[in-house]
């Protein structure tokens, strides 16, 4: 099997096939998938890659970070890299946008680099279906659960996102808030939908109606995303007394936007975050939030992966504790 044979079978030019195999960006995703389907069917490997694989240290782990602006994921990445420094492994880091398909990217990387394993930071189980299910090497998804995949190769380590969101919503309700807005991710994201479900279940338990169309704003998990969403939320629902956000970055951006609009936090509007970033302790007012313990997530996630690589351990799905941090950004109202 040669590049010429691949080009003939998939109906593409030889140059196009070459660009796909060498990971050039100037190829449409549709064409790339068509070429890769033929490549995987025949198990084709470029001679240059084969030569490299004979001489390189094969102890390579690929870390895929989903969301370049996520402070939490960047913190997890830093901790994992430091732990790997003293181990006989190398790490290749790939940073993706929130809207990219990490499963498709990982499938291509697996073909090109043949790593020992994958670490997904912030990925979605939905995106790991399809082509990536054919990649039979140890992998771990950190910060989200992958048990629903039923995969023998993909483990996961996360907090209980539903319980954490329920806890946050319950705290707002106990402080008298009934008109609550939400700033969160698109609900086709499993982590966003899980956090929304936890939030909503607390309101339902308390008999409080939630008007999704007027009270939910979609945003990126970033300062800017939170700020823009806060302005849109206030424009369409100026009567809200509190906002539940799905990340501290969103919360901090929202606090800035509310101040620009003449609202004081928490005097005029309460804000609750999610993640427990170090910066939230220095925000004025100090942010009320859910703290994900980065050290535990990073340590457990890496241990799970290395146990699979070194000891052929079966995949597992671990839930680690979270902490509810009662800061100063939520006001009790009558």
C-alpha atoms as a PDB file:
ATOM      1  CA  UNK A   1       0.000   0.000   0.000  1.00  0.00           C
ATOM      2  CA  UNK A   2       1.438   3.355  -1.097  1.00  0.00           C
ATOM      3  CA  UNK A   3       0.264   6.988  -1.016  1.00  0.00           C
ATOM      4  CA  UNK A   4      -0.700   6.531  -4.659  1.00  0.00           C
ATOM      5  CA  UNK A   5      -2.913   3.555  -3.757  1.00  0.00           C
ATOM      6  CA  UNK A   6      -4.581   5.538  -0.972  1.00  0.00           C
ATOM      7  CA  UNK A   7      -5.225   8.475  -3.325  1.00  0.00           C
ATOM      8  CA  UNK A   8      -6.819   6.159  -5.859  1.00  0.00           C
ATOM      9  CA  UNK A   9      -9.086   4.447  -3.338  1.00  0.00           C
ATOM     10  CA  UNK A  10     -10.376   7.642  -1.718  1.00  0.00           C
ATOM     11  CA  UNK A  11     -10.578   9.630  -4.979  1.00  0.00           C
ATOM     12  CA  UNK A  12      -8.133  12.350  -3.931  1.00  0.00           C
ATOM     13  CA  UNK A  13      -4.962  13.759  -5.430  1.00  0.00           C
ATOM     14  CA  UNK A  14      -1.645  12.343  -4.216  1.00  0.00           C
ATOM     15  CA  UNK A  15      -0.702  15.819  -2.918  1.00  0.00           C
ATOM     16  CA  UNK A  16      -3.891  15.982  -0.863  1.00  0.00           C
ATOM     17  CA  UNK A  17      -3.190  12.601   0.727  1.00  0.00           C
ATOM     18  CA  UNK A  18       0.358  13.731   1.508  1.00  0.00           C
ATOM     19  CA  UNK A  19      -0.909  16.900   3.197  1.00  0.00           C
ATOM     20  CA  UNK A  20      -3.337  14.882   5.330  1.00  0.00           C
ATOM     21  CA  UNK A  21      -0.619  12.408   6.390  1.00  0.00           C
ATOM     22  CA  UNK A  22       1.711  15.270   7.275  1.00  0.00           C
ATOM     23  CA  UNK A  23      -1.043  17.055   9.214  1.00  0.00           C
ATOM     24  CA  UNK A  24      -1.139  20.197   7.053  1.00  0.00           C
ATOM     25  CA  UNK A  25      -4.008  22.559   7.979  1.00  0.00           C
ATOM     26  CA  UNK A  26      -5.049  23.403   4.397  1.00  0.00           C
ATOM     27  CA  UNK A  27      -7.297  20.338   4.014  1.00  0.00           C
ATOM     28  CA  UNK A  28     -11.026  20.263   4.724  1.00  0.00           C
ATOM     29  CA  UNK A  29     -12.153  18.103   7.635  1.00  0.00           C
ATOM     30  CA  UNK A  30     -14.378  16.098   5.301  1.00  0.00           C
ATOM     31  CA  UNK A  31     -11.449  15.244   3.012  1.00  0.00           C
ATOM     32  CA  UNK A  32      -9.213  14.499   6.002  1.00  0.00           C
ATOM     33  CA  UNK A  33     -11.735  12.027   7.391  1.00  0.00           C
ATOM     34  CA  UNK A  34     -12.115  10.328   3.993  1.00  0.00           C
ATOM     35  CA  UNK A  35      -8.351   9.876   3.627  1.00  0.00           C
ATOM     36  CA  UNK A  36      -7.896   8.732   7.226  1.00  0.00           C
ATOM     37  CA  UNK A  37     -10.649   6.140   6.817  1.00  0.00           C
ATOM     38  CA  UNK A  38      -8.680   4.490   4.016  1.00  0.00           C
ATOM     39  CA  UNK A  39      -5.398   4.868   5.925  1.00  0.00           C
ATOM     40  CA  UNK A  40      -6.821   3.169   9.010  1.00  0.00           C
ATOM     41  CA  UNK A  41      -8.484   0.462   6.929  1.00  0.00           C
ATOM     42  CA  UNK A  42      -5.109  -0.641   5.554  1.00  0.00           C
ATOM     43  CA  UNK A  43      -2.974   0.282   8.592  1.00  0.00           C
ATOM     44  CA  UNK A  44      -0.768   2.506   6.442  1.00  0.00           C
ATOM     45  CA  UNK A  45       2.168   4.297   8.089  1.00  0.00           C
ATOM     46  CA  UNK A  46       4.489   6.804   6.407  1.00  0.00           C
ATOM     47  CA  UNK A  47       8.068   5.546   6.133  1.00  0.00           C
ATOM     48  CA  UNK A  48       9.334   8.673   7.902  1.00  0.00           C
ATOM     49  CA  UNK A  49       7.008   7.992  10.814  1.00  0.00           C
ATOM     50  CA  UNK A  50       7.986   4.339  10.900  1.00  0.00           C
ATOM     51  CA  UNK A  51      11.669   5.251  10.972  1.00  0.00           C
ATOM     52  CA  UNK A  52      11.064   7.723  13.766  1.00  0.00           C
ATOM     53  CA  UNK A  53       9.117   5.176  15.797  1.00  0.00           C
ATOM     54  CA  UNK A  54      12.038   2.705  15.640  1.00  0.00           C
ATOM     55  CA  UNK A  55      14.452   5.153  17.221  1.00  0.00           C
ATOM     56  CA  UNK A  56      12.380   7.306  19.561  1.00  0.00           C
ATOM     57  CA  UNK A  57      11.506   6.607  23.166  1.00  0.00           C
ATOM     58  CA  UNK A  58       8.000   5.221  22.948  1.00  0.00           C
ATOM     59  CA  UNK A  59       7.034   6.459  26.434  1.00  0.00           C
ATOM     60  CA  UNK A  60       5.004   9.379  25.186  1.00  0.00           C
ATOM     61  CA  UNK A  61       1.711  10.545  26.702  1.00  0.00           C
ATOM     62  CA  UNK A  62      -0.503  13.003  24.852  1.00  0.00           C
ATOM     63  CA  UNK A  63      -2.380  15.568  26.943  1.00  0.00           C
ATOM     64  CA  UNK A  64      -5.316  17.211  25.163  1.00  0.00           C
ATOM     65  CA  UNK A  65      -6.600  20.400  26.812  1.00  0.00           C
ATOM     66  CA  UNK A  66     -10.144  21.372  25.788  1.00  0.00           C
ATOM     67  CA  UNK A  67     -10.372  25.152  26.159  1.00  0.00           C
ATOM     68  CA  UNK A  68      -7.313  27.391  25.955  1.00  0.00           C
ATOM     69  CA  UNK A  69      -8.819  30.027  28.282  1.00  0.00           C
ATOM     70  CA  UNK A  70      -9.710  27.663  31.156  1.00  0.00           C
ATOM     71  CA  UNK A  71      -7.707  28.587  34.244  1.00  0.00           C
ATOM     72  CA  UNK A  72      -8.706  25.328  35.951  1.00  0.00           C
ATOM     73  CA  UNK A  73      -7.535  23.132  33.079  1.00  0.00           C
ATOM     74  CA  UNK A  74      -4.284  25.076  32.769  1.00  0.00           C
ATOM     75  CA  UNK A  75      -3.710  24.517  36.488  1.00  0.00           C
ATOM     76  CA  UNK A  76      -4.344  20.787  36.101  1.00  0.00           C
ATOM     77  CA  UNK A  77      -1.990  20.686  33.123  1.00  0.00           C
ATOM     78  CA  UNK A  78       0.804  22.345  35.091  1.00  0.00           C
ATOM     79  CA  UNK A  79       0.455  19.889  37.974  1.00  0.00           C
ATOM     80  CA  UNK A  80       0.410  16.852  35.680  1.00  0.00           C
ATOM     81  CA  UNK A  81       3.468  18.076  33.767  1.00  0.00           C
ATOM     82  CA  UNK A  82       5.408  18.572  37.013  1.00  0.00           C
ATOM     83  CA  UNK A  83       4.563  15.034  38.123  1.00  0.00           C
ATOM     84  CA  UNK A  84       5.676  13.633  34.760  1.00  0.00           C
ATOM     85  CA  UNK A  85       9.041  15.441  34.954  1.00  0.00           C
ATOM     86  CA  UNK A  86      10.371  12.931  37.478  1.00  0.00           C
ATOM     87  CA  UNK A  87       8.917   9.924  35.644  1.00  0.00           C
ATOM     88  CA  UNK A  88      10.265   8.135  32.524  1.00  0.00           C
ATOM     89  CA  UNK A  89       7.595   9.643  30.279  1.00  0.00           C
ATOM     90  CA  UNK A  90       7.404  12.559  27.896  1.00  0.00           C
ATOM     91  CA  UNK A  91       4.295  14.676  27.406  1.00  0.00           C
ATOM     92  CA  UNK A  92       2.975  16.147  24.187  1.00  0.00           C
ATOM     93  CA  UNK A  93       0.409  18.878  24.910  1.00  0.00           C
ATOM     94  CA  UNK A  94      -2.321  19.755  22.410  1.00  0.00           C
ATOM     95  CA  UNK A  95      -4.629  22.708  23.170  1.00  0.00           C
ATOM     96  CA  UNK A  96      -8.031  22.838  21.475  1.00  0.00           C
ATOM     97  CA  UNK A  97     -10.863  25.339  21.300  1.00  0.00           C
ATOM     98  CA  UNK A  98     -14.054  24.523  23.235  1.00  0.00           C
ATOM     99  CA  UNK A  99     -15.821  23.721  19.950  1.00  0.00           C
ATOM    100  CA  UNK A 100     -13.173  21.353  18.564  1.00  0.00           C
ATOM    101  CA  UNK A 101     -13.676  17.586  18.418  1.00  0.00           C
ATOM    102  CA  UNK A 102     -11.055  16.085  20.722  1.00  0.00           C
ATOM    103  CA  UNK A 103     -11.951  12.524  19.754  1.00  0.00           C
ATOM    104  CA  UNK A 104     -11.235  13.176  16.096  1.00  0.00           C
ATOM    105  CA  UNK A 105      -7.980  14.979  16.909  1.00  0.00           C
ATOM    106  CA  UNK A 106      -6.856  12.205  19.252  1.00  0.00           C
ATOM    107  CA  UNK A 107      -7.593   9.547  16.633  1.00  0.00           C
ATOM    108  CA  UNK A 108      -5.326  11.338  14.175  1.00  0.00           C
ATOM    109  CA  UNK A 109      -2.594  11.843  16.787  1.00  0.00           C
ATOM    110  CA  UNK A 110      -2.733   8.170  17.722  1.00  0.00           C
ATOM    111  CA  UNK A 111      -2.102   7.206  14.108  1.00  0.00           C
ATOM    112  CA  UNK A 112       0.768   9.671  13.706  1.00  0.00           C
ATOM    113  CA  UNK A 113       2.555   9.384  17.075  1.00  0.00           C
ATOM    114  CA  UNK A 114       1.506   6.033  18.576  1.00  0.00           C
ATOM    115  CA  UNK A 115       1.506   7.333  22.192  1.00  0.00           C
ATOM    116  CA  UNK A 116       1.229   5.067  25.217  1.00  0.00           C
ATOM    117  CA  UNK A 117      -1.840   6.901  26.443  1.00  0.00           C
ATOM    118  CA  UNK A 118      -4.053   9.984  26.380  1.00  0.00           C
ATOM    119  CA  UNK A 119      -5.075  12.445  29.095  1.00  0.00           C
ATOM    120  CA  UNK A 120      -8.127  14.547  28.247  1.00  0.00           C
ATOM    121  CA  UNK A 121      -8.541  17.711  30.308  1.00  0.00           C
ATOM    122  CA  UNK A 122     -12.042  19.153  29.967  1.00  0.00           C
ATOM    123  CA  UNK A 123     -13.203  16.858  27.180  1.00  0.00           C
ATOM    124  CA  UNK A 124     -16.687  15.508  26.529  1.00  0.00           C
ATOM    125  CA  UNK A 125     -17.639  11.801  26.490  1.00  0.00           C
ATOM    126  CA  UNK A 126     -19.816  12.471  23.433  1.00  0.00           C
ATOM    127  CA  UNK A 127     -16.759  13.537  21.439  1.00  0.00           C
ATOM    128  CA  UNK A 128     -14.946  10.323  22.369  1.00  0.00           C
ATOM    129  CA  UNK A 129     -17.473   8.161  20.559  1.00  0.00           C
ATOM    130  CA  UNK A 130     -17.109   7.115  16.917  1.00  0.00           C
ATOM    131  CA  UNK A 131     -13.581   6.879  15.523  1.00  0.00           C
ATOM    132  CA  UNK A 132     -11.852   7.189  18.898  1.00  0.00           C
ATOM    133  CA  UNK A 133     -13.601   4.036  20.122  1.00  0.00           C
ATOM    134  CA  UNK A 134     -11.276   2.148  17.764  1.00  0.00           C
ATOM    135  CA  UNK A 135      -8.222   3.521  19.619  1.00  0.00           C
ATOM    136  CA  UNK A 136      -7.433   0.788  22.109  1.00  0.00           C
ATOM    137  CA  UNK A 137      -4.858   2.428  24.370  1.00  0.00           C
ATOM    138  CA  UNK A 138      -5.235   3.617  27.986  1.00  0.00           C
ATOM    139  CA  UNK A 139      -6.901   7.022  28.315  1.00  0.00           C
ATOM    140  CA  UNK A 140      -8.312   9.110  31.141  1.00  0.00           C
ATOM    141  CA  UNK A 141     -10.804  11.975  31.076  1.00  0.00           C
ATOM    142  CA  UNK A 142     -10.205  14.411  33.945  1.00  0.00           C
ATOM    143  CA  UNK A 143     -12.962  16.796  35.202  1.00  0.00           C
ATOM    144  CA  UNK A 144     -15.803  14.885  33.532  1.00  0.00           C
ATOM    145  CA  UNK A 145     -17.235  11.374  33.827  1.00  0.00           C
ATOM    146  CA  UNK A 146     -16.808   8.826  31.022  1.00  0.00           C
ATOM    147  CA  UNK A 147     -18.611   5.850  32.521  1.00  0.00           C
ATOM    148  CA  UNK A 148     -21.501   6.297  30.057  1.00  0.00           C
ATOM    149  CA  UNK A 149     -19.143   5.346  27.211  1.00  0.00           C
ATOM    150  CA  UNK A 150     -18.855   1.781  28.461  1.00  0.00           C
ATOM    151  CA  UNK A 151     -15.281   1.736  27.145  1.00  0.00           C
ATOM    152  CA  UNK A 152     -12.671  -0.759  28.307  1.00  0.00           C
ATOM    153  CA  UNK A 153      -9.927   1.831  27.689  1.00  0.00           C
ATOM    154  CA  UNK A 154     -11.240   5.236  28.845  1.00  0.00           C
ATOM    155  CA  UNK A 155     -11.210   5.948  32.590  1.00  0.00           C
ATOM    156  CA  UNK A 156     -12.328   9.167  34.256  1.00  0.00           C
ATOM    157  CA  UNK A 157     -11.754  11.245  37.382  1.00  0.00           C
ATOM    158  CA  UNK A 158     -14.009  14.130  38.400  1.00  0.00           C
ATOM    159  CA  UNK A 159     -16.093  15.647  41.148  1.00  0.00           C
ATOM    160  CA  UNK A 160     -19.832  14.996  41.296  1.00  0.00           C
ATOM    161  CA  UNK A 161     -20.815  17.925  39.081  1.00  0.00           C
ATOM    162  CA  UNK A 162     -24.541  17.404  39.581  1.00  0.00           C
ATOM    163  CA  UNK A 163     -24.281  17.347  43.364  1.00  0.00           C
ATOM    164  CA  UNK A 164     -21.977  20.391  43.340  1.00  0.00           C
ATOM    165  CA  UNK A 165     -24.414  22.432  41.241  1.00  0.00           C
ATOM    166  CA  UNK A 166     -27.318  21.305  43.433  1.00  0.00           C
ATOM    167  CA  UNK A 167     -25.363  22.522  46.476  1.00  0.00           C
ATOM    168  CA  UNK A 168     -24.790  25.945  44.894  1.00  0.00           C
ATOM    169  CA  UNK A 169     -28.428  26.399  43.872  1.00  0.00           C
ATOM    170  CA  UNK A 170     -29.597  25.218  47.301  1.00  0.00           C
ATOM    171  CA  UNK A 171     -27.396  27.862  48.953  1.00  0.00           C
ATOM    172  CA  UNK A 172     -28.948  30.617  46.821  1.00  0.00           C
ATOM    173  CA  UNK A 173     -32.434  29.373  47.684  1.00  0.00           C
ATOM    174  CA  UNK A 174     -31.646  29.256  51.421  1.00  0.00           C
ATOM    175  CA  UNK A 175     -30.576  32.883  51.152  1.00  0.00           C
ATOM    176  CA  UNK A 176     -33.961  33.879  49.782  1.00  0.00           C
ATOM    177  CA  UNK A 177     -33.224  34.014  46.061  1.00  0.00           C
ATOM    178  CA  UNK A 178     -35.970  32.894  43.695  1.00  0.00           C
ATOM    179  CA  UNK A 179     -35.236  34.952  40.583  1.00  0.00           C
ATOM    180  CA  UNK A 180     -31.973  33.289  39.595  1.00  0.00           C
ATOM    181  CA  UNK A 181     -30.126  33.569  36.299  1.00  0.00           C
ATOM    182  CA  UNK A 182     -27.591  31.092  34.921  1.00  0.00           C
ATOM    183  CA  UNK A 183     -24.459  31.715  32.884  1.00  0.00           C
ATOM    184  CA  UNK A 184     -23.253  28.391  31.504  1.00  0.00           C
ATOM    185  CA  UNK A 185     -21.947  26.501  28.524  1.00  0.00           C
ATOM    186  CA  UNK A 186     -23.967  25.169  25.614  1.00  0.00           C
ATOM    187  CA  UNK A 187     -26.085  22.242  26.777  1.00  0.00           C
ATOM    188  CA  UNK A 188     -24.786  19.892  24.089  1.00  0.00           C
ATOM    189  CA  UNK A 189     -21.705  19.783  26.332  1.00  0.00           C
ATOM    190  CA  UNK A 190     -22.116  16.996  28.878  1.00  0.00           C
ATOM    191  CA  UNK A 191     -20.440  18.889  31.710  1.00  0.00           C
ATOM    192  CA  UNK A 192     -22.625  21.969  31.128  1.00  0.00           C
ATOM    193  CA  UNK A 193     -25.811  19.913  30.873  1.00  0.00           C
ATOM    194  CA  UNK A 194     -24.903  17.982  34.058  1.00  0.00           C
ATOM    195  CA  UNK A 195     -24.295  21.203  36.008  1.00  0.00           C
ATOM    196  CA  UNK A 196     -27.533  22.670  34.687  1.00  0.00           C
ATOM    197  CA  UNK A 197     -29.424  19.512  35.657  1.00  0.00           C
ATOM    198  CA  UNK A 198     -28.045  19.706  39.201  1.00  0.00           C
ATOM    199  CA  UNK A 199     -28.981  23.395  39.461  1.00  0.00           C
ATOM    200  CA  UNK A 200     -32.461  22.795  38.080  1.00  0.00           C
ATOM    201  CA  UNK A 201     -33.165  19.824  40.349  1.00  0.00           C
ATOM    202  CA  UNK A 202     -32.566  22.039  43.409  1.00  0.00           C
ATOM    203  CA  UNK A 203     -35.088  24.591  42.117  1.00  0.00           C
ATOM    204  CA  UNK A 204     -37.636  21.895  41.322  1.00  0.00           C
ATOM    205  CA  UNK A 205     -37.216  20.424  44.819  1.00  0.00           C
ATOM    206  CA  UNK A 206     -37.963  23.873  46.255  1.00  0.00           C
ATOM    207  CA  UNK A 207     -40.940  24.412  43.948  1.00  0.00           C
ATOM    208  CA  UNK A 208     -39.263  27.294  42.115  1.00  0.00           C
ATOM    209  CA  UNK A 209     -39.940  27.748  38.394  1.00  0.00           C
ATOM    210  CA  UNK A 210     -37.003  28.458  36.068  1.00  0.00           C
ATOM    211  CA  UNK A 211     -37.657  30.275  32.780  1.00  0.00           C
ATOM    212  CA  UNK A 212     -34.839  28.978  30.580  1.00  0.00           C
ATOM    213  CA  UNK A 213     -35.418  31.395  27.669  1.00  0.00           C
ATOM    214  CA  UNK A 214     -35.192  34.483  29.877  1.00  0.00           C
ATOM    215  CA  UNK A 215     -32.798  33.273  32.551  1.00  0.00           C
ATOM    216  CA  UNK A 216     -30.085  31.169  30.859  1.00  0.00           C
ATOM    217  CA  UNK A 217     -27.203  32.689  28.907  1.00  0.00           C
ATOM    218  CA  UNK A 218     -24.683  30.587  26.988  1.00  0.00           C
ATOM    219  CA  UNK A 219     -21.046  31.648  27.326  1.00  0.00           C
ATOM    220  CA  UNK A 220     -17.519  30.403  26.901  1.00  0.00           C
ATOM    221  CA  UNK A 221     -15.750  29.355  30.082  1.00  0.00           C
ATOM    222  CA  UNK A 222     -13.736  32.582  30.208  1.00  0.00           C
ATOM    223  CA  UNK A 223     -13.682  36.072  31.759  1.00  0.00           C
ATOM    224  CA  UNK A 224     -14.861  37.646  28.524  1.00  0.00           C
ATOM    225  CA  UNK A 225     -17.543  35.002  28.017  1.00  0.00           C
ATOM    226  CA  UNK A 226     -18.941  35.636  31.494  1.00  0.00           C
ATOM    227  CA  UNK A 227     -18.926  39.408  31.056  1.00  0.00           C
ATOM    228  CA  UNK A 228     -20.727  39.358  27.711  1.00  0.00           C
ATOM    229  CA  UNK A 229     -23.297  36.848  28.970  1.00  0.00           C
ATOM    230  CA  UNK A 230     -23.965  38.909  32.110  1.00  0.00           C
ATOM    231  CA  UNK A 231     -24.834  41.956  30.017  1.00  0.00           C
ATOM    232  CA  UNK A 232     -27.184  39.929  27.815  1.00  0.00           C
ATOM    233  CA  UNK A 233     -28.795  38.333  30.868  1.00  0.00           C
ATOM    234  CA  UNK A 234     -29.519  41.669  32.545  1.00  0.00           C
ATOM    235  CA  UNK A 235     -30.923  43.110  29.315  1.00  0.00           C
ATOM    236  CA  UNK A 236     -33.551  40.392  28.985  1.00  0.00           C
ATOM    237  CA  UNK A 237     -34.158  39.734  32.692  1.00  0.00           C
ATOM    238  CA  UNK A 238     -33.372  42.805  34.847  1.00  0.00           C
ATOM    239  CA  UNK A 239     -35.303  41.415  37.853  1.00  0.00           C
ATOM    240  CA  UNK A 240     -32.879  38.616  38.742  1.00  0.00           C
ATOM    241  CA  UNK A 241     -31.359  38.811  42.218  1.00  0.00           C
ATOM    242  CA  UNK A 242     -28.656  36.161  41.796  1.00  0.00           C
ATOM    243  CA  UNK A 243     -26.622  34.403  39.111  1.00  0.00           C
ATOM    244  CA  UNK A 244     -25.231  30.875  39.156  1.00  0.00           C
ATOM    245  CA  UNK A 245     -22.219  30.591  36.850  1.00  0.00           C
ATOM    246  CA  UNK A 246     -20.558  27.365  35.713  1.00  0.00           C
ATOM    247  CA  UNK A 247     -16.988  28.591  36.252  1.00  0.00           C
ATOM    248  CA  UNK A 248     -15.115  31.113  38.359  1.00  0.00           C
ATOM    249  CA  UNK A 249     -13.824  32.749  35.184  1.00  0.00           C
ATOM    250  CA  UNK A 250     -17.429  33.329  34.083  1.00  0.00           C
ATOM    251  CA  UNK A 251     -18.295  34.637  37.560  1.00  0.00           C
ATOM    252  CA  UNK A 252     -15.394  37.095  37.644  1.00  0.00           C
ATOM    253  CA  UNK A 253     -16.270  38.367  34.165  1.00  0.00           C
ATOM    254  CA  UNK A 254     -19.904  38.717  35.229  1.00  0.00           C
ATOM    255  CA  UNK A 255     -18.964  40.685  38.365  1.00  0.00           C
ATOM    256  CA  UNK A 256     -16.978  43.128  36.220  1.00  0.00           C
ATOM    257  CA  UNK A 257     -19.888  43.541  33.793  1.00  0.00           C
ATOM    258  CA  UNK A 258     -22.415  44.071  36.595  1.00  0.00           C
ATOM    259  CA  UNK A 259     -20.216  46.768  38.120  1.00  0.00           C
ATOM    260  CA  UNK A 260     -19.936  48.493  34.735  1.00  0.00           C
ATOM    261  CA  UNK A 261     -23.745  48.434  34.513  1.00  0.00           C
ATOM    262  CA  UNK A 262     -24.096  50.050  37.949  1.00  0.00           C
ATOM    263  CA  UNK A 263     -24.876  46.899  39.965  1.00  0.00           C
ATOM    264  CA  UNK A 264     -22.999  46.159  43.186  1.00  0.00           C
ATOM    265  CA  UNK A 265     -22.142  42.558  44.113  1.00  0.00           C
ATOM    266  CA  UNK A 266     -23.708  41.347  46.368  1.00  0.00           C
ATOM    267  CA  UNK A 267     -25.771  44.392  47.404  1.00  0.00           C
ATOM    268  CA  UNK A 268     -27.779  44.493  44.153  1.00  0.00           C
ATOM    269  CA  UNK A 269     -27.067  41.068  42.698  1.00  0.00           C
ATOM    270  CA  UNK A 270     -25.466  37.919  44.105  1.00  0.00           C
ATOM    271  CA  UNK A 271     -22.993  35.786  42.133  1.00  0.00           C
ATOM    272  CA  UNK A 272     -21.817  32.231  42.730  1.00  0.00           C
ATOM    273  CA  UNK A 273     -18.962  30.580  40.856  1.00  0.00           C
ATOM    274  CA  UNK A 274     -17.607  27.093  40.190  1.00  0.00           C
ATOM    275  CA  UNK A 275     -14.019  25.729  40.308  1.00  0.00           C
ATOM    276  CA  UNK A 276     -12.466  27.435  43.338  1.00  0.00           C
ATOM    277  CA  UNK A 277      -9.649  29.182  41.522  1.00  0.00           C
ATOM    278  CA  UNK A 278      -7.005  30.814  43.739  1.00  0.00           C
ATOM    279  CA  UNK A 279      -7.846  34.217  42.274  1.00  0.00           C
ATOM    280  CA  UNK A 280     -11.408  33.953  43.612  1.00  0.00           C
ATOM    281  CA  UNK A 281     -10.031  34.349  47.169  1.00  0.00           C
ATOM    282  CA  UNK A 282      -8.681  37.767  46.212  1.00  0.00           C
ATOM    283  CA  UNK A 283     -11.727  39.044  44.386  1.00  0.00           C
ATOM    284  CA  UNK A 284     -13.571  41.835  46.164  1.00  0.00           C
ATOM    285  CA  UNK A 285     -15.999  40.579  47.325  1.00  0.00           C
ATOM    286  CA  UNK A 286     -14.474  37.133  47.866  1.00  0.00           C
ATOM    287  CA  UNK A 287     -16.279  34.711  45.558  1.00  0.00           C
ATOM    288  CA  UNK A 288     -18.687  32.063  46.819  1.00  0.00           C
ATOM    289  CA  UNK A 289     -17.893  28.969  44.778  1.00  0.00           C
ATOM    290  CA  UNK A 290     -17.426  25.223  44.412  1.00  0.00           C
ATOM    291  CA  UNK A 291     -13.761  24.302  44.781  1.00  0.00           C
ATOM    292  CA  UNK A 292     -12.407  21.473  42.656  1.00  0.00           C
ATOM    293  CA  UNK A 293      -9.242  20.246  44.350  1.00  0.00           C
ATOM    294  CA  UNK A 294      -6.707  20.439  41.512  1.00  0.00           C
ATOM    295  CA  UNK A 295      -4.015  18.407  43.241  1.00  0.00           C
ATOM    296  CA  UNK A 296      -6.368  15.497  43.840  1.00  0.00           C
ATOM    297  CA  UNK A 297      -7.802  15.568  40.308  1.00  0.00           C
ATOM    298  CA  UNK A 298      -4.325  15.700  38.739  1.00  0.00           C
ATOM    299  CA  UNK A 299      -2.824  13.035  41.016  1.00  0.00           C
ATOM    300  CA  UNK A 300      -5.740  10.596  40.735  1.00  0.00           C
ATOM    301  CA  UNK A 301      -6.032  11.089  36.965  1.00  0.00           C
ATOM    302  CA  UNK A 302      -2.343  10.464  36.308  1.00  0.00           C
ATOM    303  CA  UNK A 303      -2.247   7.478  38.675  1.00  0.00           C
ATOM    304  CA  UNK A 304      -5.224   5.888  36.926  1.00  0.00           C
ATOM    305  CA  UNK A 305      -3.569   6.277  33.523  1.00  0.00           C
ATOM    306  CA  UNK A 306      -0.154   4.985  34.610  1.00  0.00           C
ATOM    307  CA  UNK A 307      -1.758   2.008  36.371  1.00  0.00           C
ATOM    308  CA  UNK A 308      -3.462   1.130  33.079  1.00  0.00           C
ATOM    309  CA  UNK A 309      -0.242   1.564  31.086  1.00  0.00           C
ATOM    310  CA  UNK A 310       2.147  -0.194  33.460  1.00  0.00           C
ATOM    311  CA  UNK A 311      -0.058  -2.791  35.157  1.00  0.00           C
ATOM    312  CA  UNK A 312      -2.786  -3.329  32.551  1.00  0.00           C
ATOM    313  CA  UNK A 313      -5.328  -2.253  35.189  1.00  0.00           C
ATOM    314  CA  UNK A 314      -8.956  -2.153  34.123  1.00  0.00           C
ATOM    315  CA  UNK A 315     -10.450   1.253  33.472  1.00  0.00           C
ATOM    316  CA  UNK A 316     -12.232   2.903  36.392  1.00  0.00           C
ATOM    317  CA  UNK A 317     -14.329   5.974  37.136  1.00  0.00           C
ATOM    318  CA  UNK A 318     -13.487   7.896  40.284  1.00  0.00           C
ATOM    319  CA  UNK A 319     -15.389  10.668  42.016  1.00  0.00           C
ATOM    320  CA  UNK A 320     -13.198  12.936  44.171  1.00  0.00           C
ATOM    321  CA  UNK A 321     -14.517  15.357  46.824  1.00  0.00           C
ATOM    322  CA  UNK A 322     -15.335  19.018  46.216  1.00  0.00           C
ATOM    323  CA  UNK A 323     -15.539  21.866  48.701  1.00  0.00           C
ATOM    324  CA  UNK A 324     -18.262  24.501  48.978  1.00  0.00           C
ATOM    325  CA  UNK A 325     -16.614  27.851  49.698  1.00  0.00           C
ATOM    326  CA  UNK A 326     -18.889  30.428  51.287  1.00  0.00           C
ATOM    327  CA  UNK A 327     -17.371  33.717  50.254  1.00  0.00           C
ATOM    328  CA  UNK A 328     -18.860  37.201  50.272  1.00  0.00           C
ATOM    329  CA  UNK A 329     -20.593  37.390  46.901  1.00  0.00           C
ATOM    330  CA  UNK A 330     -24.030  36.132  47.972  1.00  0.00           C
ATOM    331  CA  UNK A 331     -26.395  38.310  49.976  1.00  0.00           C
ATOM    332  CA  UNK A 332     -29.270  37.010  52.081  1.00  0.00           C
ATOM    333  CA  UNK A 333     -32.557  38.611  51.048  1.00  0.00           C
ATOM    334  CA  UNK A 334     -36.079  38.522  52.512  1.00  0.00           C
END
